[in-house]
Amino acid sequence: MQLYMYSLTTKKLIIMNDEQNREYNAASTGVAVMDNHLADFSGDLALKAKKTEIENKLDDIDLAKVKQQASTQGATTSKGTIFKKMMTSSWIIARLLVAYGKQINNTNLVADMDKPRSSFVHTDFVNGKTLADKVFAAGGTHQVAALAAGFQLTALMVSGLGTLITDFVAAKDQPEAIKSDVQAAGILVATEIKELKVLVKDLFGDLMPPYAESNNTFYNAVNDGFQVNDAGVRHIAIRVAVNDSVVLVRLPKAVVTIDVAGENKVKNSSIRGISDFSQQDIAPGNYTVKIELTGYATQTIQNVKVVDGEMTTVNVVLVKI
């Protein structure tokens, strides 16, 4: 999805740059992964607090987007605010329905509700209303059973969403002079994205590394969730995750080389310890992957198979020398 920001030079709304968009999407995905692993850090108050900070920062960016959308559609700030509340409520209910659907093996319910956060908060009024209606209908159908199964999906939550949908439809589209709000929102987006990056950096600075040894599955899942994908990469052919052999933490700045028909494709591992190679770069076939990092023994992995339309994950453990 695309974000928008106001250009003080052209006095027009412009698409937010790719880097900012990818940072937002990665953080949204990472938070969703953590939601699916709440039991793994239920007693870690510091980690839970940092997760909440990241969620609040995402909400701040969402609010700026709503203000911009209200201006472009000639809607009142009030209608935009109702829309944000409606979509936030839809997102929360949808996540509960996904968890419930997985427990009862209702694949249709999961498929209908399991959408990224960006689908709820980065959408226009028409598509957002359609999605909210779908969540409201599913909530009405499954609320009682979901609550009985232990999922905190109350009747009040579902009826509250219904009220927000009604209020949104009833809100008048009366243009307001909110140009200053749009300008402020555009400037704020860039600042908020920078602060978001700092929060994510803090998350992996001190809070996540201990889980590399104590709960490596959780650690790797969160790392992968927060990975910022390269621009223009629609499908990943090979994902190389580089780890330390002793403490199992991810290692950034490792040089990953893949020999493709005599030409070396080279990428450094990210701060998440990941190197992604797109299917645009790597055609289906078998490849040799070499991983180098100063202070560690070089490792070469042969016969890494790439299949069209699928991502091959290579978990590499480097040994210090």
C-alpha atoms as a PDB file:
ATOM      1  CA  MET A   1       0.000   0.000   0.000  1.00  0.00           C
ATOM      2  CA  GLN A   2       1.103   3.592  -0.549  1.00  0.00           C
ATOM      3  CA  LEU A   3       1.354   6.368   1.994  1.00  0.00           C
ATOM      4  CA  TYR A   4       1.089  10.039   1.096  1.00  0.00           C
ATOM      5  CA  MET A   5       2.764  13.179   2.373  1.00  0.00           C
ATOM      6  CA  TYR A   6       2.363  16.885   1.604  1.00  0.00           C
ATOM      7  CA  SER A   7       5.074  18.598  -0.406  1.00  0.00           C
ATOM      8  CA  LEU A   8       5.771  22.124   0.809  1.00  0.00           C
ATOM      9  CA  THR A   9       7.508  22.791  -2.512  1.00  0.00           C
ATOM     10  CA  THR A  10       4.757  21.722  -4.922  1.00  0.00           C
ATOM     11  CA  LYS A  11       1.822  22.249  -2.498  1.00  0.00           C
ATOM     12  CA  LYS A  12       0.526  18.835  -3.554  1.00  0.00           C
ATOM     13  CA  LEU A  13       0.132  15.427  -1.982  1.00  0.00           C
ATOM     14  CA  ILE A  14       2.926  13.086  -3.043  1.00  0.00           C
ATOM     15  CA  ILE A  15       3.528   9.394  -2.474  1.00  0.00           C
ATOM     16  CA  MET A  16       5.707   8.676   0.546  1.00  0.00           C
ATOM     17  CA  ASN A  17       9.095   7.381  -0.528  1.00  0.00           C
ATOM     18  CA  ASP A  18       9.757   3.654  -0.801  1.00  0.00           C
ATOM     19  CA  GLU A  19      12.176   3.512   2.128  1.00  0.00           C
ATOM     20  CA  GLN A  20       9.642   5.021   4.539  1.00  0.00           C
ATOM     21  CA  ASN A  21       6.895   2.777   3.221  1.00  0.00           C
ATOM     22  CA  ARG A  22       9.040  -0.354   3.672  1.00  0.00           C
ATOM     23  CA  GLU A  23      10.034   0.663   7.216  1.00  0.00           C
ATOM     24  CA  TYR A  24       6.370   1.058   8.151  1.00  0.00           C
ATOM     25  CA  ASN A  25       5.300  -2.243   6.579  1.00  0.00           C
ATOM     26  CA  ALA A  26       8.175  -4.134   8.220  1.00  0.00           C
ATOM     27  CA  ALA A  27       7.309  -2.775  11.668  1.00  0.00           C
ATOM     28  CA  SER A  28       3.623  -3.624  11.133  1.00  0.00           C
ATOM     29  CA  THR A  29       4.519  -7.170  10.138  1.00  0.00           C
ATOM     30  CA  GLY A  30       6.938  -7.531  13.044  1.00  0.00           C
ATOM     31  CA  VAL A  31       4.309  -6.455  15.576  1.00  0.00           C
ATOM     32  CA  ALA A  32       1.831  -8.931  14.066  1.00  0.00           C
ATOM     33  CA  VAL A  33       4.423 -11.715  14.474  1.00  0.00           C
ATOM     34  CA  MET A  34       4.895 -10.737  18.117  1.00  0.00           C
ATOM     35  CA  ASP A  35       1.104 -10.853  18.584  1.00  0.00           C
ATOM     36  CA  ASN A  36       1.242 -14.470  17.450  1.00  0.00           C
ATOM     37  CA  HIS A  37       3.970 -15.236  20.022  1.00  0.00           C
ATOM     38  CA  LEU A  38       2.611 -13.448  23.099  1.00  0.00           C
ATOM     39  CA  ALA A  39       3.102 -16.539  25.265  1.00  0.00           C
ATOM     40  CA  ASP A  40       6.841 -16.506  24.494  1.00  0.00           C
ATOM     41  CA  PHE A  41       7.419 -13.181  26.284  1.00  0.00           C
ATOM     42  CA  SER A  42       4.409 -12.873  28.588  1.00  0.00           C
ATOM     43  CA  GLY A  43       6.617 -12.194  31.617  1.00  0.00           C
ATOM     44  CA  ASP A  44       9.044  -9.821  29.866  1.00  0.00           C
ATOM     45  CA  LEU A  45       7.692  -6.414  30.877  1.00  0.00           C
ATOM     46  CA  ALA A  46      10.445  -4.469  29.113  1.00  0.00           C
ATOM     47  CA  LEU A  47       9.867  -6.236  25.803  1.00  0.00           C
ATOM     48  CA  LYS A  48       6.098  -5.812  26.092  1.00  0.00           C
ATOM     49  CA  ALA A  49       6.573  -2.096  26.796  1.00  0.00           C
ATOM     50  CA  LYS A  50       8.794  -1.663  23.746  1.00  0.00           C
ATOM     51  CA  LYS A  51       6.254  -3.480  21.581  1.00  0.00           C
ATOM     52  CA  THR A  52       3.577  -1.064  22.842  1.00  0.00           C
ATOM     53  CA  GLU A  53       5.808   1.905  21.994  1.00  0.00           C
ATOM     54  CA  ILE A  54       6.186   0.617  18.443  1.00  0.00           C
ATOM     55  CA  GLU A  55       2.417   0.079  18.123  1.00  0.00           C
ATOM     56  CA  ASN A  56       1.768   3.613  19.375  1.00  0.00           C
ATOM     57  CA  LYS A  57       4.234   5.005  16.861  1.00  0.00           C
ATOM     58  CA  LEU A  58       2.482   3.122  14.051  1.00  0.00           C
ATOM     59  CA  ASP A  59      -0.796   4.631  15.247  1.00  0.00           C
ATOM     60  CA  ASP A  60       0.743   8.113  15.112  1.00  0.00           C
ATOM     61  CA  ILE A  61       1.700   7.540  11.485  1.00  0.00           C
ATOM     62  CA  ASP A  62      -1.772   6.172  10.748  1.00  0.00           C
ATOM     63  CA  LEU A  63      -3.366   9.316  12.152  1.00  0.00           C
ATOM     64  CA  ALA A  64      -1.261  11.506   9.867  1.00  0.00           C
ATOM     65  CA  LYS A  65      -2.428   9.395   6.928  1.00  0.00           C
ATOM     66  CA  VAL A  66      -6.077   9.797   7.936  1.00  0.00           C
ATOM     67  CA  LYS A  67      -5.710  13.586   8.033  1.00  0.00           C
ATOM     68  CA  GLN A  68      -4.252  13.535   4.544  1.00  0.00           C
ATOM     69  CA  GLN A  69      -6.992  11.255   3.265  1.00  0.00           C
ATOM     70  CA  ALA A  70      -9.662  13.512   4.764  1.00  0.00           C
ATOM     71  CA  SER A  71      -8.271  16.429   2.770  1.00  0.00           C
ATOM     72  CA  THR A  72      -7.961  14.598  -0.557  1.00  0.00           C
ATOM     73  CA  GLN A  73     -11.543  13.343  -0.332  1.00  0.00           C
ATOM     74  CA  GLY A  74     -12.996  16.648   0.884  1.00  0.00           C
ATOM     75  CA  ALA A  75     -14.146  14.992   4.081  1.00  0.00           C
ATOM     76  CA  THR A  76     -14.300  16.522   7.509  1.00  0.00           C
ATOM     77  CA  THR A  77     -11.689  15.773  10.123  1.00  0.00           C
ATOM     78  CA  SER A  78     -14.522  14.163  12.080  1.00  0.00           C
ATOM     79  CA  LYS A  79     -15.290  11.665   9.298  1.00  0.00           C
ATOM     80  CA  GLY A  80     -11.604  10.797   9.020  1.00  0.00           C
ATOM     81  CA  THR A  81     -11.370  10.235  12.768  1.00  0.00           C
ATOM     82  CA  ILE A  82     -14.411   7.944  12.733  1.00  0.00           C
ATOM     83  CA  PHE A  83     -12.855   6.043   9.827  1.00  0.00           C
ATOM     84  CA  LYS A  84      -9.630   5.485  11.771  1.00  0.00           C
ATOM     85  CA  LYS A  85     -11.531   4.201  14.810  1.00  0.00           C
ATOM     86  CA  MET A  86     -13.660   1.953  12.593  1.00  0.00           C
ATOM     87  CA  MET A  87     -10.640   0.411  10.894  1.00  0.00           C
ATOM     88  CA  THR A  88      -8.708   0.018  14.162  1.00  0.00           C
ATOM     89  CA  SER A  89     -11.686  -1.789  15.690  1.00  0.00           C
ATOM     90  CA  SER A  90     -11.965  -3.963  12.555  1.00  0.00           C
ATOM     91  CA  TRP A  91      -8.258  -4.873  12.797  1.00  0.00           C
ATOM     92  CA  ILE A  92      -8.532  -5.956  16.450  1.00  0.00           C
ATOM     93  CA  ILE A  93     -11.631  -8.073  15.825  1.00  0.00           C
ATOM     94  CA  ALA A  94     -10.097  -9.606  12.693  1.00  0.00           C
ATOM     95  CA  ARG A  95      -6.973 -10.708  14.624  1.00  0.00           C
ATOM     96  CA  LEU A  96      -9.140 -12.439  17.237  1.00  0.00           C
ATOM     97  CA  LEU A  97     -11.157 -14.142  14.506  1.00  0.00           C
ATOM     98  CA  VAL A  98      -7.953 -15.351  12.841  1.00  0.00           C
ATOM     99  CA  ALA A  99      -6.737 -16.912  16.096  1.00  0.00           C
ATOM    100  CA  TYR A 100     -10.135 -18.510  16.675  1.00  0.00           C
ATOM    101  CA  GLY A 101     -10.332 -19.712  13.061  1.00  0.00           C
ATOM    102  CA  LYS A 102      -6.949 -21.402  13.349  1.00  0.00           C
ATOM    103  CA  GLN A 103      -7.994 -23.180  16.539  1.00  0.00           C
ATOM    104  CA  ILE A 104     -11.132 -24.652  14.952  1.00  0.00           C
ATOM    105  CA  ASN A 105      -9.445 -25.196  11.561  1.00  0.00           C
ATOM    106  CA  ASN A 106     -11.859 -22.846   9.766  1.00  0.00           C
ATOM    107  CA  THR A 107      -9.672 -22.078   6.761  1.00  0.00           C
ATOM    108  CA  ASN A 108     -12.293 -19.866   5.116  1.00  0.00           C
ATOM    109  CA  LEU A 109     -12.563 -17.628   8.178  1.00  0.00           C
ATOM    110  CA  VAL A 110      -8.776 -17.364   8.449  1.00  0.00           C
ATOM    111  CA  ALA A 111      -8.423 -16.540   4.744  1.00  0.00           C
ATOM    112  CA  ASP A 112     -11.101 -13.820   4.969  1.00  0.00           C
ATOM    113  CA  MET A 113      -9.726 -12.164   8.110  1.00  0.00           C
ATOM    114  CA  ASP A 114      -5.949 -12.742   7.926  1.00  0.00           C
ATOM    115  CA  LYS A 115      -4.867  -9.507   6.269  1.00  0.00           C
ATOM    116  CA  PRO A 116      -1.900  -7.263   7.100  1.00  0.00           C
ATOM    117  CA  ARG A 117      -2.407  -4.212   9.278  1.00  0.00           C
ATOM    118  CA  SER A 118      -1.734  -2.021   6.247  1.00  0.00           C
ATOM    119  CA  SER A 119      -4.882  -3.388   4.556  1.00  0.00           C
ATOM    120  CA  PHE A 120      -6.925  -1.866   7.373  1.00  0.00           C
ATOM    121  CA  VAL A 121      -5.170   1.458   7.916  1.00  0.00           C
ATOM    122  CA  HIS A 122      -3.817   2.238   4.435  1.00  0.00           C
ATOM    123  CA  THR A 123      -7.009   2.100   2.426  1.00  0.00           C
ATOM    124  CA  ASP A 124      -9.569   4.517   1.060  1.00  0.00           C
ATOM    125  CA  PHE A 125     -13.022   5.126   2.483  1.00  0.00           C
ATOM    126  CA  VAL A 126     -14.803   2.813   0.024  1.00  0.00           C
ATOM    127  CA  ASN A 127     -12.541  -0.239   0.423  1.00  0.00           C
ATOM    128  CA  GLY A 128     -12.217   0.366   4.151  1.00  0.00           C
ATOM    129  CA  LYS A 129     -15.992   0.380   4.594  1.00  0.00           C
ATOM    130  CA  THR A 130     -16.258  -2.880   2.610  1.00  0.00           C
ATOM    131  CA  LEU A 131     -13.612  -4.539   4.804  1.00  0.00           C
ATOM    132  CA  ALA A 132     -15.226  -3.264   8.017  1.00  0.00           C
ATOM    133  CA  ASP A 133     -18.598  -4.671   6.888  1.00  0.00           C
ATOM    134  CA  LYS A 134     -16.988  -8.076   6.267  1.00  0.00           C
ATOM    135  CA  VAL A 135     -15.348  -8.105   9.722  1.00  0.00           C
ATOM    136  CA  PHE A 136     -18.606  -6.988  11.362  1.00  0.00           C
ATOM    137  CA  ALA A 137     -20.530  -9.808   9.671  1.00  0.00           C
ATOM    138  CA  ALA A 138     -17.940 -12.423  10.654  1.00  0.00           C
ATOM    139  CA  GLY A 139     -17.858 -11.074  14.203  1.00  0.00           C
ATOM    140  CA  GLY A 140     -21.618 -11.395  14.479  1.00  0.00           C
ATOM    141  CA  THR A 141     -21.458 -14.974  13.244  1.00  0.00           C
ATOM    142  CA  HIS A 142     -18.609 -16.220  15.450  1.00  0.00           C
ATOM    143  CA  GLN A 143     -18.612 -13.930  18.515  1.00  0.00           C
ATOM    144  CA  VAL A 144     -20.415 -16.246  20.937  1.00  0.00           C
ATOM    145  CA  ALA A 145     -18.415 -19.344  19.998  1.00  0.00           C
ATOM    146  CA  ALA A 146     -15.105 -17.454  19.980  1.00  0.00           C
ATOM    147  CA  LEU A 147     -15.758 -16.026  23.443  1.00  0.00           C
ATOM    148  CA  ALA A 148     -16.696 -19.470  24.724  1.00  0.00           C
ATOM    149  CA  ALA A 149     -13.426 -20.823  23.309  1.00  0.00           C
ATOM    150  CA  GLY A 150     -11.442 -18.329  25.388  1.00  0.00           C
ATOM    151  CA  PHE A 151     -10.922 -15.536  22.874  1.00  0.00           C
ATOM    152  CA  GLN A 152     -11.840 -12.122  24.273  1.00  0.00           C
ATOM    153  CA  LEU A 153     -14.227 -11.211  21.459  1.00  0.00           C
ATOM    154  CA  THR A 154     -17.122  -9.631  23.324  1.00  0.00           C
ATOM    155  CA  ALA A 155     -20.559  -8.727  22.018  1.00  0.00           C
ATOM    156  CA  LEU A 156     -19.788  -5.120  22.967  1.00  0.00           C
ATOM    157  CA  MET A 157     -16.768  -5.082  20.634  1.00  0.00           C
ATOM    158  CA  VAL A 158     -18.859  -6.300  17.695  1.00  0.00           C
ATOM    159  CA  SER A 159     -21.764  -3.951  18.397  1.00  0.00           C
ATOM    160  CA  GLY A 160     -19.283  -1.117  18.855  1.00  0.00           C
ATOM    161  CA  LEU A 161     -17.919  -1.758  15.378  1.00  0.00           C
ATOM    162  CA  GLY A 162     -21.478  -1.714  14.047  1.00  0.00           C
ATOM    163  CA  THR A 163     -22.018   1.693  15.648  1.00  0.00           C
ATOM    164  CA  LEU A 164     -18.804   3.052  14.136  1.00  0.00           C
ATOM    165  CA  ILE A 165     -19.857   1.827  10.682  1.00  0.00           C
ATOM    166  CA  THR A 166     -23.230   3.549  11.091  1.00  0.00           C
ATOM    167  CA  ASP A 167     -21.593   6.768  12.316  1.00  0.00           C
ATOM    168  CA  PHE A 168     -19.119   6.707   9.438  1.00  0.00           C
ATOM    169  CA  VAL A 169     -21.886   6.364   6.846  1.00  0.00           C
ATOM    170  CA  ALA A 170     -23.884   9.159   8.492  1.00  0.00           C
ATOM    171  CA  ALA A 171     -20.949  11.603   8.694  1.00  0.00           C
ATOM    172  CA  LYS A 172     -21.284  14.456   6.197  1.00  0.00           C
ATOM    173  CA  ASP A 173     -18.654  15.141   3.539  1.00  0.00           C
ATOM    174  CA  GLN A 174     -18.281  18.835   4.271  1.00  0.00           C
ATOM    175  CA  PRO A 175     -14.952  20.275   3.056  1.00  0.00           C
ATOM    176  CA  GLU A 176     -12.887  22.011   5.713  1.00  0.00           C
ATOM    177  CA  ALA A 177      -9.882  24.233   5.536  1.00  0.00           C
ATOM    178  CA  ILE A 178      -7.414  21.766   7.039  1.00  0.00           C
ATOM    179  CA  LYS A 179      -4.460  22.518   4.764  1.00  0.00           C
ATOM    180  CA  SER A 180      -2.271  23.323   7.750  1.00  0.00           C
ATOM    181  CA  ASP A 181      -3.139  19.944   9.260  1.00  0.00           C
ATOM    182  CA  VAL A 182      -2.131  18.206   6.032  1.00  0.00           C
ATOM    183  CA  GLN A 183       1.151  20.085   5.908  1.00  0.00           C
ATOM    184  CA  ALA A 184       1.870  19.235   9.527  1.00  0.00           C
ATOM    185  CA  ALA A 185       0.949  15.589   8.906  1.00  0.00           C
ATOM    186  CA  GLY A 186       3.311  15.360   5.947  1.00  0.00           C
ATOM    187  CA  ILE A 187       6.199  16.768   7.945  1.00  0.00           C
ATOM    188  CA  LEU A 188       5.283  14.588  10.909  1.00  0.00           C
ATOM    189  CA  VAL A 189       5.349  11.370   8.867  1.00  0.00           C
ATOM    190  CA  ALA A 190       9.078  11.695   8.145  1.00  0.00           C
ATOM    191  CA  THR A 191       9.831  12.416  11.810  1.00  0.00           C
ATOM    192  CA  GLU A 192       7.646   9.561  13.033  1.00  0.00           C
ATOM    193  CA  ILE A 193       9.321   7.091  10.657  1.00  0.00           C
ATOM    194  CA  LYS A 194      12.740   8.087  12.011  1.00  0.00           C
ATOM    195  CA  GLU A 195      11.513   7.582  15.570  1.00  0.00           C
ATOM    196  CA  LEU A 196       9.994   4.244  14.568  1.00  0.00           C
ATOM    197  CA  LYS A 197      13.391   3.070  13.285  1.00  0.00           C
ATOM    198  CA  VAL A 198      14.982   4.033  16.621  1.00  0.00           C
ATOM    199  CA  LEU A 199      12.371   2.035  18.552  1.00  0.00           C
ATOM    200  CA  VAL A 200      12.931  -1.041  16.374  1.00  0.00           C
ATOM    201  CA  LYS A 201      16.694  -0.649  16.815  1.00  0.00           C
ATOM    202  CA  ASP A 202      16.189  -0.532  20.591  1.00  0.00           C
ATOM    203  CA  LEU A 203      14.074  -3.681  20.406  1.00  0.00           C
ATOM    204  CA  PHE A 204      16.923  -5.652  18.883  1.00  0.00           C
ATOM    205  CA  GLY A 205      19.705  -3.862  20.767  1.00  0.00           C
ATOM    206  CA  ASP A 206      19.168  -5.314  24.238  1.00  0.00           C
ATOM    207  CA  LEU A 207      15.713  -6.869  24.480  1.00  0.00           C
ATOM    208  CA  MET A 208      15.631  -9.554  21.781  1.00  0.00           C
ATOM    209  CA  PRO A 209      19.217 -10.987  21.821  1.00  0.00           C
ATOM    210  CA  PRO A 210      18.699 -13.024  25.047  1.00  0.00           C
ATOM    211  CA  TYR A 211      16.004 -15.008  23.231  1.00  0.00           C
ATOM    212  CA  ALA A 212      18.544 -16.166  20.636  1.00  0.00           C
ATOM    213  CA  GLU A 213      19.651 -18.839  23.113  1.00  0.00           C
ATOM    214  CA  SER A 214      16.584 -19.264  25.316  1.00  0.00           C
ATOM    215  CA  ASN A 215      13.947 -19.344  22.545  1.00  0.00           C
ATOM    216  CA  ASN A 216      15.604 -19.330  19.143  1.00  0.00           C
ATOM    217  CA  THR A 217      12.371 -20.031  17.247  1.00  0.00           C
ATOM    218  CA  PHE A 218      10.747 -16.906  18.688  1.00  0.00           C
ATOM    219  CA  TYR A 219      13.903 -14.857  18.144  1.00  0.00           C
ATOM    220  CA  ASN A 220      14.180 -15.820  14.476  1.00  0.00           C
ATOM    221  CA  ALA A 221      10.464 -15.312  13.812  1.00  0.00           C
ATOM    222  CA  VAL A 222      10.546 -11.760  15.165  1.00  0.00           C
ATOM    223  CA  ASN A 223      13.746 -10.960  13.285  1.00  0.00           C
ATOM    224  CA  ASP A 224      12.199 -12.181  10.054  1.00  0.00           C
ATOM    225  CA  GLY A 225       9.023 -10.214  10.743  1.00  0.00           C
ATOM    226  CA  PHE A 226      10.849  -6.918  11.174  1.00  0.00           C
ATOM    227  CA  GLN A 227      13.041  -7.491   8.105  1.00  0.00           C
ATOM    228  CA  VAL A 228      12.806  -4.536   5.693  1.00  0.00           C
ATOM    229  CA  ASN A 229      12.535  -6.005   2.205  1.00  0.00           C
ATOM    230  CA  ASP A 230      14.313  -4.475  -0.757  1.00  0.00           C
ATOM    231  CA  ALA A 231      12.345  -2.195  -3.065  1.00  0.00           C
ATOM    232  CA  GLY A 232      10.839  -3.900  -6.077  1.00  0.00           C
ATOM    233  CA  VAL A 233      11.264  -7.431  -4.758  1.00  0.00           C
ATOM    234  CA  ARG A 234       7.971  -9.183  -5.380  1.00  0.00           C
ATOM    235  CA  HIS A 235       9.174 -12.723  -4.691  1.00  0.00           C
ATOM    236  CA  ILE A 236      12.212 -13.839  -2.712  1.00  0.00           C
ATOM    237  CA  ALA A 237      14.128 -16.746  -4.229  1.00  0.00           C
ATOM    238  CA  ILE A 238      16.706 -17.249  -1.460  1.00  0.00           C
ATOM    239  CA  ARG A 239      16.740 -15.856   2.075  1.00  0.00           C
ATOM    240  CA  VAL A 240      20.003 -16.351   3.937  1.00  0.00           C
ATOM    241  CA  ALA A 241      19.872 -15.919   7.729  1.00  0.00           C
ATOM    242  CA  VAL A 242      23.341 -15.576   9.298  1.00  0.00           C
ATOM    243  CA  ASN A 243      23.804 -16.607  12.951  1.00  0.00           C
ATOM    244  CA  ASP A 244      26.627 -16.778  15.486  1.00  0.00           C
ATOM    245  CA  SER A 245      27.421 -20.384  16.476  1.00  0.00           C
ATOM    246  CA  VAL A 246      27.767 -19.696  20.206  1.00  0.00           C
ATOM    247  CA  VAL A 247      25.080 -17.191  21.221  1.00  0.00           C
ATOM    248  CA  LEU A 248      22.938 -17.765  18.095  1.00  0.00           C
ATOM    249  CA  VAL A 249      22.290 -14.033  17.545  1.00  0.00           C
ATOM    250  CA  ARG A 250      21.858 -12.789  13.984  1.00  0.00           C
ATOM    251  CA  LEU A 251      24.951 -11.278  12.389  1.00  0.00           C
ATOM    252  CA  PRO A 252      24.763  -8.125  10.248  1.00  0.00           C
ATOM    253  CA  LYS A 253      27.278  -7.111   7.545  1.00  0.00           C
ATOM    254  CA  ALA A 254      28.096 -10.666   6.483  1.00  0.00           C
ATOM    255  CA  VAL A 255      28.957 -10.846   2.769  1.00  0.00           C
ATOM    256  CA  VAL A 256      26.719 -13.366   1.010  1.00  0.00           C
ATOM    257  CA  THR A 257      27.723 -14.395  -2.499  1.00  0.00           C
ATOM    258  CA  ILE A 258      25.792 -16.577  -4.955  1.00  0.00           C
ATOM    259  CA  ASP A 259      27.383 -17.751  -8.205  1.00  0.00           C
ATOM    260  CA  VAL A 260      24.789 -17.286 -10.959  1.00  0.00           C
ATOM    261  CA  ALA A 261      26.045 -18.572 -14.307  1.00  0.00           C
ATOM    262  CA  GLY A 262      29.549 -17.310 -13.611  1.00  0.00           C
ATOM    263  CA  GLU A 263      28.377 -13.953 -12.266  1.00  0.00           C
ATOM    264  CA  ASN A 264      28.537 -13.265  -8.538  1.00  0.00           C
ATOM    265  CA  LYS A 265      25.416 -11.857  -6.906  1.00  0.00           C
ATOM    266  CA  VAL A 266      26.563 -10.222  -3.657  1.00  0.00           C
ATOM    267  CA  LYS A 267      24.566  -8.784  -0.750  1.00  0.00           C
ATOM    268  CA  ASN A 268      25.459  -7.906   2.824  1.00  0.00           C
ATOM    269  CA  SER A 269      23.274  -9.245   5.613  1.00  0.00           C
ATOM    270  CA  SER A 270      20.974  -6.602   7.098  1.00  0.00           C
ATOM    271  CA  ILE A 271      20.738  -5.485  10.709  1.00  0.00           C
ATOM    272  CA  ARG A 272      18.346  -8.441  11.056  1.00  0.00           C
ATOM    273  CA  GLY A 273      21.122 -10.756   9.825  1.00  0.00           C
ATOM    274  CA  ILE A 274      19.280 -11.460   6.561  1.00  0.00           C
ATOM    275  CA  SER A 275      20.237 -11.346   2.889  1.00  0.00           C
ATOM    276  CA  ASP A 276      17.379 -11.650   0.410  1.00  0.00           C
ATOM    277  CA  PHE A 277      17.851 -12.501  -3.271  1.00  0.00           C
ATOM    278  CA  SER A 278      14.851 -11.959  -5.535  1.00  0.00           C
ATOM    279  CA  GLN A 279      13.610 -14.294  -8.230  1.00  0.00           C
ATOM    280  CA  GLN A 280      14.484 -11.510 -10.643  1.00  0.00           C
ATOM    281  CA  ASP A 281      18.136 -12.158  -9.759  1.00  0.00           C
ATOM    282  CA  ILE A 282      18.043 -15.907  -9.127  1.00  0.00           C
ATOM    283  CA  ALA A 283      16.327 -18.209 -11.620  1.00  0.00           C
ATOM    284  CA  PRO A 284      15.163 -21.729 -10.647  1.00  0.00           C
ATOM    285  CA  GLY A 285      18.081 -24.128 -10.277  1.00  0.00           C
ATOM    286  CA  ASN A 286      20.830 -25.241  -7.870  1.00  0.00           C
ATOM    287  CA  TYR A 287      23.354 -22.764  -6.518  1.00  0.00           C
ATOM    288  CA  THR A 288      26.421 -22.422  -4.313  1.00  0.00           C
ATOM    289  CA  VAL A 289      26.144 -19.841  -1.513  1.00  0.00           C
ATOM    290  CA  LYS A 290      29.236 -18.438   0.208  1.00  0.00           C
ATOM    291  CA  ILE A 291      29.060 -16.482   3.480  1.00  0.00           C
ATOM    292  CA  GLU A 292      31.980 -14.382   4.736  1.00  0.00           C
ATOM    293  CA  LEU A 293      32.344 -12.186   7.809  1.00  0.00           C
ATOM    294  CA  THR A 294      35.445 -10.748   9.438  1.00  0.00           C
ATOM    295  CA  GLY A 295      36.372 -12.783  12.513  1.00  0.00           C
ATOM    296  CA  TYR A 296      34.456 -15.866  11.385  1.00  0.00           C
ATOM    297  CA  ALA A 297      35.309 -18.897   9.286  1.00  0.00           C
ATOM    298  CA  THR A 298      33.963 -18.650   5.740  1.00  0.00           C
ATOM    299  CA  GLN A 299      31.185 -21.107   4.998  1.00  0.00           C
ATOM    300  CA  THR A 300      30.167 -22.461   1.605  1.00  0.00           C
ATOM    301  CA  ILE A 301      26.860 -24.232   1.042  1.00  0.00           C
ATOM    302  CA  GLN A 302      26.331 -26.160  -2.154  1.00  0.00           C
ATOM    303  CA  ASN A 303      23.246 -27.365  -3.999  1.00  0.00           C
ATOM    304  CA  VAL A 304      20.876 -24.731  -2.651  1.00  0.00           C
ATOM    305  CA  LYS A 305      17.732 -25.361  -4.661  1.00  0.00           C
ATOM    306  CA  VAL A 306      15.544 -22.554  -5.987  1.00  0.00           C
ATOM    307  CA  VAL A 307      11.994 -23.370  -7.091  1.00  0.00           C
ATOM    308  CA  ASP A 308       9.855 -20.940  -9.088  1.00  0.00           C
ATOM    309  CA  GLY A 309       7.360 -19.115  -6.873  1.00  0.00           C
ATOM    310  CA  GLU A 310       8.847 -20.371  -3.588  1.00  0.00           C
ATOM    311  CA  MET A 311      11.327 -18.950  -1.085  1.00  0.00           C
ATOM    312  CA  THR A 312      14.292 -21.106  -0.070  1.00  0.00           C
ATOM    313  CA  THR A 313      15.554 -20.331   3.437  1.00  0.00           C
ATOM    314  CA  VAL A 314      19.199 -20.998   4.283  1.00  0.00           C
ATOM    315  CA  ASN A 315      20.077 -20.801   7.987  1.00  0.00           C
ATOM    316  CA  VAL A 316      23.832 -20.352   8.340  1.00  0.00           C
ATOM    317  CA  VAL A 317      25.801 -20.725  11.575  1.00  0.00           C
ATOM    318  CA  LEU A 318      29.220 -19.053  11.497  1.00  0.00           C
ATOM    319  CA  VAL A 319      32.052 -20.070  13.829  1.00  0.00           C
ATOM    320  CA  LYS A 320      34.468 -17.493  15.266  1.00  0.00           C
ATOM    321  CA  ILE A 321      38.160 -17.953  14.493  1.00  0.00           C
END
